[in-house]
Protein backbone atom coordinates (compact mmCIF):
# COMPACT_ATOMS: atom_id res chain seq x y z
CA MET A 1 -21.31 -7.38 -105.65
CA PRO A 2 -22.37 -9.95 -103.01
CA ASP A 3 -26.11 -10.65 -102.90
CA ALA A 4 -26.50 -9.16 -99.42
CA VAL A 5 -24.88 -5.88 -100.45
CA ARG A 6 -27.12 -5.60 -103.52
CA ILE A 7 -30.26 -6.52 -101.56
CA ALA A 8 -29.45 -4.02 -98.82
CA ARG A 9 -28.74 -1.20 -101.28
CA ASP A 10 -31.69 -1.87 -103.56
CA ASN A 11 -34.17 -2.08 -100.68
CA GLY A 12 -32.97 0.73 -98.42
CA VAL A 13 -31.87 -1.45 -95.50
CA VAL A 14 -30.21 0.47 -92.66
CA GLY A 15 -29.24 -0.25 -89.08
CA ALA A 16 -32.62 -0.59 -87.39
CA GLY A 17 -31.26 -0.52 -83.86
CA GLY A 18 -31.03 3.26 -83.78
CA ALA A 19 -27.89 4.35 -85.64
CA GLY A 20 -29.25 3.99 -89.17
CA PHE A 21 -25.91 3.21 -90.84
CA PRO A 22 -26.53 2.04 -94.44
CA THR A 23 -26.25 -1.73 -94.37
CA HIS A 24 -24.95 -2.07 -97.93
CA VAL A 25 -21.84 -0.16 -96.83
CA LYS A 26 -21.39 -2.08 -93.56
CA LEU A 27 -21.52 -5.41 -95.41
CA ARG A 28 -18.54 -4.46 -97.58
CA ALA A 29 -16.28 -5.03 -94.55
CA GLU A 30 -14.38 -8.27 -93.98
CA ALA A 31 -14.79 -10.24 -90.76
CA ASP A 32 -14.58 -13.77 -89.46
CA THR A 33 -17.53 -13.25 -87.11
CA LEU A 34 -20.98 -11.74 -87.54
CA VAL A 35 -22.41 -10.61 -84.19
CA VAL A 36 -26.18 -10.17 -83.99
CA ASN A 37 -27.39 -7.57 -81.52
CA ALA A 38 -30.47 -9.12 -79.93
CA ALA A 39 -29.64 -7.72 -76.49
CA GLU A 40 -32.34 -5.04 -76.62
CA CYS A 41 -30.87 -3.43 -73.53
CA GLU A 42 -33.33 -0.52 -73.24
CA PRO A 43 -36.08 -1.28 -70.70
CA LEU A 44 -39.65 -1.64 -72.01
CA LEU A 45 -38.63 -2.30 -75.62
CA TYR A 46 -39.40 -5.74 -76.98
CA LYS A 47 -39.31 -5.58 -80.79
CA ASP A 48 -36.18 -7.68 -81.30
CA GLN A 49 -37.46 -10.40 -79.01
CA GLU A 50 -40.80 -10.43 -80.84
CA ILE A 51 -39.06 -10.63 -84.22
CA LEU A 52 -37.04 -13.66 -83.15
CA GLU A 53 -40.13 -15.34 -81.74
CA ASN A 54 -42.39 -14.62 -84.71
CA PHE A 55 -40.12 -14.20 -87.76
CA LEU A 56 -37.19 -16.49 -87.08
CA ASP A 57 -36.89 -17.99 -90.58
CA PRO A 58 -36.45 -14.75 -92.56
CA PHE A 59 -34.14 -13.46 -89.84
CA VAL A 60 -31.94 -16.55 -90.27
CA GLU A 61 -31.97 -16.04 -94.03
CA GLY A 62 -30.80 -12.46 -93.60
CA ALA A 63 -28.09 -13.45 -91.11
CA GLN A 64 -26.74 -16.07 -93.49
CA LEU A 65 -26.68 -13.57 -96.37
CA ALA A 66 -24.83 -11.04 -94.22
CA ALA A 67 -22.31 -13.62 -92.99
CA GLN A 68 -21.61 -14.70 -96.56
CA ALA A 69 -21.09 -11.08 -97.65
CA VAL A 70 -18.46 -10.31 -94.99
CA GLY A 71 -16.84 -13.74 -95.11
CA ALA A 72 -17.81 -14.71 -91.58
CA SER A 73 -17.48 -18.38 -90.66
CA ARG A 74 -19.70 -18.00 -87.60
CA VAL A 75 -22.74 -16.01 -86.48
CA LEU A 76 -23.13 -15.26 -82.77
CA VAL A 77 -26.57 -14.10 -81.62
CA GLY A 78 -26.50 -12.30 -78.27
CA VAL A 79 -29.76 -12.78 -76.34
CA LYS A 80 -30.31 -11.93 -72.69
CA GLU A 81 -30.18 -15.00 -70.48
CA LYS A 82 -33.63 -14.23 -69.01
CA HIS A 83 -35.25 -15.26 -72.33
CA VAL A 84 -34.88 -18.94 -71.50
CA ARG A 85 -37.53 -20.36 -73.86
CA LEU A 86 -36.35 -18.27 -76.80
CA ILE A 87 -32.74 -19.34 -76.25
CA GLU A 88 -33.76 -23.02 -76.07
CA ARG A 89 -35.80 -22.72 -79.25
CA MET A 90 -33.00 -20.99 -81.12
CA ARG A 91 -30.50 -23.62 -80.02
CA ASP A 92 -32.81 -26.21 -81.56
CA GLU A 93 -33.61 -24.36 -84.77
CA LEU A 94 -30.57 -22.30 -85.77
CA PRO A 95 -28.57 -23.86 -88.60
CA ASP A 96 -24.92 -24.85 -88.44
CA GLY A 97 -22.64 -21.87 -88.15
CA MET A 98 -25.16 -19.88 -86.09
CA GLU A 99 -25.02 -19.92 -82.31
CA VAL A 100 -27.11 -18.17 -79.67
CA ARG A 101 -25.16 -16.96 -76.65
CA PRO A 102 -26.77 -15.79 -73.40
CA LEU A 103 -26.00 -12.29 -72.12
CA ARG A 104 -26.29 -10.87 -68.63
CA ASP A 105 -29.33 -8.67 -68.12
CA THR A 106 -27.39 -5.43 -67.77
CA TYR A 107 -27.44 -2.00 -69.35
CA PRO A 108 -26.15 -1.17 -71.94
CA SER A 109 -25.47 -4.73 -73.09
CA GLY A 110 -26.55 -3.73 -76.60
CA ASP A 111 -23.74 -1.22 -77.04
CA GLU A 112 -21.86 -2.86 -79.88
CA PHE A 113 -18.43 -2.50 -78.23
CA ILE A 114 -19.72 -4.21 -75.09
CA LEU A 115 -21.59 -6.82 -77.12
CA VAL A 116 -18.53 -7.69 -79.18
CA TYR A 117 -16.40 -8.05 -76.05
CA ASP A 118 -18.99 -10.12 -74.19
CA LEU A 119 -19.50 -12.51 -77.12
CA THR A 120 -15.99 -12.79 -78.55
CA GLY A 121 -13.59 -11.55 -75.86
CA ARG A 122 -12.17 -9.06 -78.38
CA ALA A 123 -11.81 -5.44 -77.26
CA VAL A 124 -12.64 -2.91 -79.98
CA PRO A 125 -10.00 -0.15 -79.95
CA ARG A 126 -10.82 3.27 -78.62
CA ALA A 127 -12.21 5.32 -81.55
CA GLY A 128 -12.30 2.07 -83.53
CA ILE A 129 -15.05 -0.05 -85.05
CA PRO A 130 -15.86 -3.77 -84.72
CA PRO A 131 -14.23 -4.73 -88.07
CA ASP A 132 -10.93 -3.69 -86.45
CA VAL A 133 -11.17 -6.92 -84.46
CA GLY A 134 -12.68 -9.06 -87.23
CA VAL A 135 -16.35 -8.53 -86.33
CA VAL A 136 -19.36 -7.03 -88.07
CA CYS A 137 -22.33 -6.26 -85.82
CA CYS A 138 -25.95 -6.07 -87.05
CA ASN A 139 -29.33 -5.60 -85.38
CA VAL A 140 -32.04 -8.28 -85.49
CA GLU A 141 -34.46 -6.17 -87.53
CA THR A 142 -31.73 -5.16 -89.96
CA LEU A 143 -31.08 -8.82 -90.76
CA LEU A 144 -34.81 -9.54 -90.97
CA ASN A 145 -35.15 -6.79 -93.59
CA LEU A 146 -32.23 -8.29 -95.47
CA GLY A 147 -33.87 -11.73 -95.40
CA LEU A 148 -37.25 -10.40 -96.57
CA GLU A 149 -35.61 -9.01 -99.73
CA LYS A 150 -38.15 -6.23 -100.28
CA PRO A 151 -38.19 -2.44 -99.86
CA VAL A 152 -38.12 -1.29 -96.25
CA THR A 153 -41.53 0.34 -95.86
CA GLU A 154 -42.47 -0.82 -92.35
CA LYS A 155 -40.93 -0.51 -88.92
CA PHE A 156 -41.38 -2.80 -85.93
CA VAL A 157 -42.39 -0.55 -83.04
CA THR A 158 -43.09 -1.33 -79.37
CA VAL A 159 -45.70 0.83 -77.62
CA SER A 160 -45.32 0.43 -73.87
CA GLY A 161 -45.69 2.23 -70.54
CA ALA A 162 -49.04 3.55 -69.33
CA VAL A 163 -51.02 1.72 -72.02
CA PRO A 164 -53.83 -0.86 -71.90
CA GLU A 165 -51.49 -3.49 -73.36
CA THR A 166 -47.84 -3.54 -74.32
CA ILE A 167 -47.63 -4.58 -77.96
CA THR A 168 -45.14 -4.67 -80.79
CA PHE A 169 -46.41 -4.27 -84.34
CA ARG A 170 -45.41 -3.11 -87.80
CA ALA A 171 -46.10 0.53 -88.59
CA PRO A 172 -45.75 2.15 -92.02
CA VAL A 173 -42.65 4.31 -92.30
CA GLY A 174 -43.87 7.89 -92.52
CA ALA A 175 -46.98 7.39 -90.38
CA SER A 176 -47.21 9.88 -87.52
CA TYR A 177 -46.60 8.99 -83.88
CA ARG A 178 -50.23 9.91 -83.30
CA ASP A 179 -51.32 7.33 -85.89
CA VAL A 180 -49.23 4.67 -84.17
CA LEU A 181 -50.43 5.52 -80.66
CA ARG A 182 -54.07 5.51 -81.73
CA ALA A 183 -53.63 2.15 -83.44
CA ALA A 184 -52.19 0.78 -80.18
CA GLY A 185 -55.09 2.16 -78.15
CA ALA A 186 -52.72 4.33 -76.10
CA PRO A 187 -54.10 7.26 -74.09
CA LEU A 188 -53.03 10.72 -75.29
CA ASP A 189 -54.54 13.20 -72.85
CA GLY A 190 -52.41 13.89 -69.79
CA MET A 191 -49.53 11.86 -71.15
CA GLY A 192 -45.95 12.46 -72.18
CA PHE A 193 -44.02 10.45 -74.75
CA VAL A 194 -40.46 9.20 -75.16
CA VAL A 195 -39.53 8.06 -78.66
CA GLY A 196 -37.00 5.27 -78.39
CA GLY A 197 -36.03 3.71 -75.08
CA PRO A 198 -36.23 5.46 -71.71
CA MET A 199 -32.45 5.87 -71.56
CA MET A 200 -31.37 7.05 -75.02
CA GLY A 201 -34.76 8.12 -76.32
CA SER A 202 -35.97 11.71 -76.39
CA VAL A 203 -39.12 13.41 -75.14
CA GLU A 204 -41.45 14.16 -78.04
CA THR A 205 -44.17 16.80 -77.89
CA ASP A 206 -45.05 16.86 -81.61
CA LEU A 207 -47.03 13.71 -82.32
CA GLU A 208 -47.27 14.60 -86.00
CA ARG A 209 -43.62 13.71 -86.47
CA PRO A 210 -43.13 10.52 -88.52
CA VAL A 211 -41.96 7.02 -87.78
CA THR A 212 -38.61 6.40 -89.47
CA LYS A 213 -36.48 3.34 -90.18
CA THR A 214 -34.72 3.76 -86.84
CA CYS A 215 -37.71 4.24 -84.51
CA ALA A 216 -37.75 1.35 -82.01
CA GLY A 217 -40.70 2.29 -79.85
CA ILE A 218 -42.80 4.87 -78.06
CA LEU A 219 -42.95 4.97 -74.28
CA VAL A 220 -46.15 6.49 -72.86
CA LEU A 221 -45.93 7.98 -69.36
CA PRO A 222 -48.07 10.27 -67.19
CA GLU A 223 -47.06 13.84 -67.99
CA ASP A 224 -45.80 14.38 -64.42
CA HIS A 225 -43.46 11.37 -64.47
CA SER A 226 -39.98 12.19 -63.22
CA LEU A 227 -38.26 10.69 -66.28
CA LEU A 228 -39.99 13.17 -68.58
CA ALA A 229 -38.95 16.07 -66.36
CA ARG A 230 -35.32 14.95 -66.23
CA LYS A 231 -35.12 14.52 -70.00
CA ALA A 232 -36.77 17.89 -70.67
CA ARG A 233 -34.33 19.99 -68.61
CA SER A 234 -33.14 23.16 -70.30
CA THR A 235 -29.47 23.69 -71.03
CA GLN A 236 -29.48 26.51 -68.50
CA SER A 237 -30.80 24.17 -65.80
CA VAL A 238 -28.25 21.51 -66.66
CA HIS A 239 -25.42 24.01 -66.31
CA LYS A 240 -26.77 25.54 -63.11
CA ILE A 241 -27.06 22.27 -61.21
CA ALA A 242 -23.69 21.08 -62.51
CA TYR A 243 -21.91 23.53 -60.20
CA SER A 244 -22.95 21.38 -57.22
CA CYS A 245 -20.97 18.36 -58.54
CA ASP A 246 -18.71 17.17 -55.71
CA GLN A 247 -16.57 14.96 -57.98
CA CYS A 248 -17.60 11.69 -56.34
CA MET A 249 -16.66 9.96 -59.64
CA ARG A 250 -19.56 7.50 -59.47
CA CYS A 251 -20.50 8.46 -63.06
CA SER A 252 -17.04 7.48 -64.28
CA ASP A 253 -16.83 4.37 -62.08
CA LEU A 254 -19.99 2.96 -63.69
CA CYS A 255 -19.39 4.22 -67.23
CA PRO A 256 -19.56 1.15 -69.51
CA ARG A 257 -17.12 2.53 -72.07
CA ASP A 258 -14.65 3.48 -69.35
CA LEU A 259 -14.87 -0.07 -68.00
CA LEU A 260 -13.95 -1.25 -71.50
CA GLY A 261 -10.78 0.79 -71.30
CA HIS A 262 -11.85 3.75 -73.44
CA ASP A 263 -10.97 6.37 -70.83
CA VAL A 264 -14.38 8.06 -70.61
CA LYS A 265 -14.61 10.33 -67.56
CA PRO A 266 -17.93 12.19 -67.20
CA HIS A 267 -16.83 13.70 -63.87
CA LYS A 268 -14.06 15.57 -65.67
CA ALA A 269 -16.49 17.04 -68.18
CA MET A 270 -18.50 18.43 -65.26
CA ILE A 271 -15.45 20.46 -64.19
CA SER A 272 -15.14 21.92 -67.68
CA LEU A 273 -18.28 24.02 -67.19
CA THR A 274 -16.41 26.22 -64.73
CA LEU A 275 -13.52 26.94 -67.14
CA SER A 276 -12.86 29.01 -70.24
CA PRO A 277 -13.16 27.18 -73.61
CA ASP A 278 -9.37 26.88 -73.94
CA ALA A 279 -8.89 25.59 -70.42
CA ALA A 280 -11.94 23.30 -70.65
CA GLN A 281 -10.66 21.34 -73.63
CA ALA A 282 -8.40 19.03 -71.64
CA TRP A 283 -11.25 18.20 -69.27
CA GLN A 284 -13.68 17.55 -72.12
CA GLN A 285 -11.37 15.25 -74.07
CA SER A 286 -12.82 11.91 -72.90
CA ALA A 287 -16.28 12.90 -74.19
CA LEU A 288 -15.09 12.02 -77.69
CA TYR A 289 -15.32 8.34 -76.75
CA CYS A 290 -18.72 8.51 -74.99
CA CYS A 291 -21.43 6.20 -76.41
CA GLU A 292 -24.21 8.47 -75.03
CA CYS A 293 -25.97 5.70 -73.11
CA ALA A 294 -27.06 8.23 -70.41
CA LEU A 295 -26.26 5.81 -67.58
CA CYS A 296 -24.20 8.49 -65.82
CA THR A 297 -27.23 10.79 -65.54
CA LEU A 298 -30.17 8.44 -65.14
CA TYR A 299 -28.56 5.89 -62.84
CA ALA A 300 -25.09 6.67 -61.53
CA CYS A 301 -25.27 10.25 -60.28
CA PRO A 302 -26.44 10.39 -56.64
CA GLU A 303 -27.16 14.13 -56.88
CA ASP A 304 -29.54 14.10 -59.87
CA LEU A 305 -27.09 16.05 -62.04
CA ASP A 306 -26.78 15.62 -65.81
CA PRO A 307 -23.25 14.54 -66.83
CA PHE A 308 -24.72 12.91 -69.96
CA ARG A 309 -25.85 16.25 -71.38
CA VAL A 310 -22.52 17.82 -70.43
CA MET A 311 -20.68 15.02 -72.26
CA VAL A 312 -22.79 15.52 -75.38
CA GLU A 313 -22.14 19.27 -75.29
CA SER A 314 -18.42 18.67 -74.71
CA LYS A 315 -18.21 16.32 -77.68
CA ARG A 316 -19.91 18.90 -79.90
CA ALA A 317 -17.63 21.69 -78.67
CA LEU A 318 -14.51 19.65 -79.33
CA ARG A 319 -15.60 18.74 -82.85
CA GLU A 320 -16.33 22.38 -83.62
CA ARG A 321 -12.75 23.16 -82.58
CA GLY A 322 -11.46 20.46 -84.92
CA VAL A 323 -10.53 17.99 -82.17
CA ARG A 324 -10.99 14.39 -83.26
CA PRO A 325 -10.78 11.09 -81.35
CA LEU A 326 -7.49 9.23 -81.47
CA LYS A 327 -7.37 5.52 -82.09
CA ALA A 328 -5.71 3.41 -79.40
CA ASP A 329 -5.84 -0.11 -78.01
CA ALA A 330 -8.30 -0.68 -75.19
CA GLU A 331 -7.77 -2.86 -72.13
CA PRO A 332 -10.96 -3.66 -70.16
CA ALA A 333 -10.73 -2.77 -66.49
CA PRO A 334 -10.40 -5.52 -63.82
CA MET A 335 -13.76 -4.33 -62.43
CA TYR A 336 -15.52 -4.74 -65.80
CA SER A 337 -17.57 -7.76 -64.75
CA TYR A 338 -18.42 -6.36 -61.32
CA ARG A 339 -19.66 -2.89 -62.20
CA ARG A 340 -22.24 -3.82 -64.79
CA THR A 341 -25.62 -2.18 -64.13
CA PRO A 342 -28.49 -4.69 -63.65
CA THR A 343 -31.53 -3.75 -65.72
CA ALA A 344 -33.84 -4.48 -62.79
CA LEU A 345 -32.12 -1.85 -60.65
CA LEU A 346 -32.16 0.60 -63.55
CA VAL A 347 -35.91 0.12 -64.04
CA ARG A 348 -36.47 0.77 -60.34
CA ARG A 349 -34.32 3.92 -60.41
CA LEU A 350 -36.26 5.21 -63.43
CA GLY A 351 -39.61 4.64 -61.74
CA LEU A 352 -40.73 2.26 -64.47
CA GLU A 353 -41.54 -0.85 -62.43
CA PRO A 354 -45.32 -0.20 -62.63
CA TYR A 355 -45.08 -0.51 -66.41
CA LEU A 356 -43.43 -3.92 -66.58
CA SER A 357 -46.18 -6.10 -68.02
CA PRO A 358 -46.76 -9.03 -70.37
CA HIS A 359 -46.18 -8.11 -73.99
CA ARG A 360 -46.91 -9.65 -77.37
CA TYR A 361 -46.61 -9.18 -81.12
CA ALA A 362 -49.84 -8.19 -82.85
CA GLU A 363 -51.03 -7.49 -86.37
CA VAL A 364 -52.35 -3.95 -85.95
CA ALA A 365 -53.94 -1.83 -88.65
CA VAL A 366 -52.26 1.56 -88.80
CA ALA A 367 -54.21 3.70 -91.27
CA PRO A 368 -52.50 7.07 -91.81
CA ARG A 369 -54.13 9.61 -94.08
CA ARG A 370 -50.77 11.19 -94.78
CA LEU A 371 -47.19 9.91 -94.90
CA THR A 372 -44.22 12.14 -94.19
CA LEU A 373 -41.14 10.41 -95.57
CA PRO A 374 -37.94 12.12 -94.35
CA LEU A 375 -35.17 11.99 -96.94
CA SER A 376 -32.66 11.55 -94.13
CA GLN A 377 -33.49 8.43 -92.08
CA HIS A 378 -29.92 7.22 -91.94
CA LEU A 379 -26.33 8.28 -91.41
CA GLY A 380 -24.85 10.03 -94.41
CA ALA A 381 -26.31 12.24 -97.11
CA PRO A 382 -30.08 12.70 -97.46
CA ALA A 383 -31.74 10.80 -100.28
CA ALA A 384 -32.58 12.76 -103.44
CA ALA A 385 -36.29 12.91 -104.23
CA VAL A 386 -37.22 11.17 -107.51
CA VAL A 387 -40.93 12.05 -107.53
CA GLU A 388 -42.84 15.27 -108.22
CA LYS A 389 -45.78 17.01 -106.61
CA GLY A 390 -49.06 15.61 -107.91
CA GLN A 391 -47.52 12.31 -109.00
CA ARG A 392 -49.37 9.10 -108.19
CA VAL A 393 -47.22 6.55 -106.35
CA ARG A 394 -47.76 2.90 -105.52
CA ALA A 395 -46.85 1.01 -102.34
CA GLY A 396 -43.18 0.06 -102.43
CA GLN A 397 -42.29 2.70 -105.02
CA LEU A 398 -38.96 4.50 -104.78
CA VAL A 399 -39.32 8.15 -103.75
CA GLY A 400 -35.73 8.92 -102.65
CA GLU A 401 -32.51 7.76 -104.31
CA ILE A 402 -28.92 7.69 -103.00
CA PRO A 403 -27.02 10.70 -104.39
CA GLU A 404 -24.18 9.78 -106.73
CA GLY A 405 -21.05 8.84 -104.79
CA ALA A 406 -22.61 9.56 -101.39
CA LEU A 407 -23.16 7.49 -98.27
CA GLY A 408 -26.91 7.05 -98.11
CA SER A 409 -29.99 4.88 -98.35
CA ARG A 410 -33.06 4.66 -100.57
CA ILE A 411 -36.53 5.70 -99.38
CA PHE A 412 -39.78 4.02 -100.43
CA THR A 413 -43.45 4.79 -99.84
CA PRO A 414 -45.32 2.09 -97.91
CA LEU A 415 -48.77 2.95 -99.27
CA ASP A 416 -50.48 4.10 -102.46
CA GLY A 417 -51.15 7.82 -102.73
CA THR A 418 -50.47 11.16 -104.34
CA VAL A 419 -47.35 13.22 -103.71
CA ALA A 420 -48.51 16.36 -101.90
CA ARG A 421 -45.10 17.98 -101.31
CA VAL A 422 -41.50 17.46 -102.28
CA GLY A 423 -39.11 19.37 -100.05
CA ARG A 424 -35.43 19.29 -99.25
CA ASP A 425 -36.24 17.42 -96.05
CA ALA A 426 -39.11 15.10 -96.91
CA VAL A 427 -41.61 13.77 -99.41
CA VAL A 428 -45.22 14.00 -98.26
CA VAL A 429 -47.77 11.54 -99.65
CA GLU A 430 -51.53 11.86 -99.28
CA VAL A 431 -52.71 8.27 -98.89
CA ALA A 432 -55.26 7.10 -101.48
């Protein structure tokens, strides 16, 4: 077993960019190129940039381990061209075999299919994965965790928006969102919260929910902000307004996966709402290849409709009927380079310009009294609890193991304490 695979499995390393795919499984693939996703395409998130600026050496160590595991002869790090000083520094300090490549400041440049194409010129097949074209793609924080070679018990989180200062810091996995917001000095009264980025993140009303290995940040906004209202629409509202769709096709014209040649047509899914389930299936078909970036809803649609939610519902409906995506070669559209969505225009459309501000990495003390450690913080099967109620545990101790023969990831406690509850969904630790 290559060192990187063992390190990733032993320490519970997963994709930290949002998907949570167990890294020890990903690194069993073979590829000639390792692509590092440092695009951080969601507005107002800065954790990957801060990691590269403050923890470059262990990141490099992790990238080299990952490249060795998959057999990659080169490592390409995609960083947005606006980070001029960081790019210059990395060009000076990265070892042989690692190269930083500037990316346009567009959304969603961090989608791994787009990233792979932009950095290598290779088009991942429809319904395919990057190893199909000789590439393995990993997030910055994932590789940092690999390079640190210790149990994953902390998560880099950016707290931004209507806050005194935009900061990125390490929070204990299992700490509540309330713990994290208080540590950042964020206001709570009269505010709404988006966990993750403003595009793909979700509105959160329960601040007692825990930070997991895939939490990238918390966006704080006034509770009457339009973004919160749009994200909180009921299914009934989404369906009702969909009937006014005039099929302008702007959602499909700007769809990043469609531009890559994956035949994703949100405007067709909108029609499906007016049809019976059997008749709707043909119109829903392209939803199977949607990456759920939400660009169609939050930027493209001129009528404030919600094709994103309709696509998600269509994908779910098709899967329930046993319809699966079909693999096929993809040919990027001639307009691919011309229809990319500039992040600056996206920020303006979202009403987030007032919250663009200087940001920094900080060592912040997050002191939770209780840790809620979900046993499912990754794709695959939930971890199996290996502790009992009343048991004393130490920081870094294993509390959830990968079930035999299952796709999964280990779970560790970040702090000393006593196990207060062991459930099917989570282990709860009262901090000592």
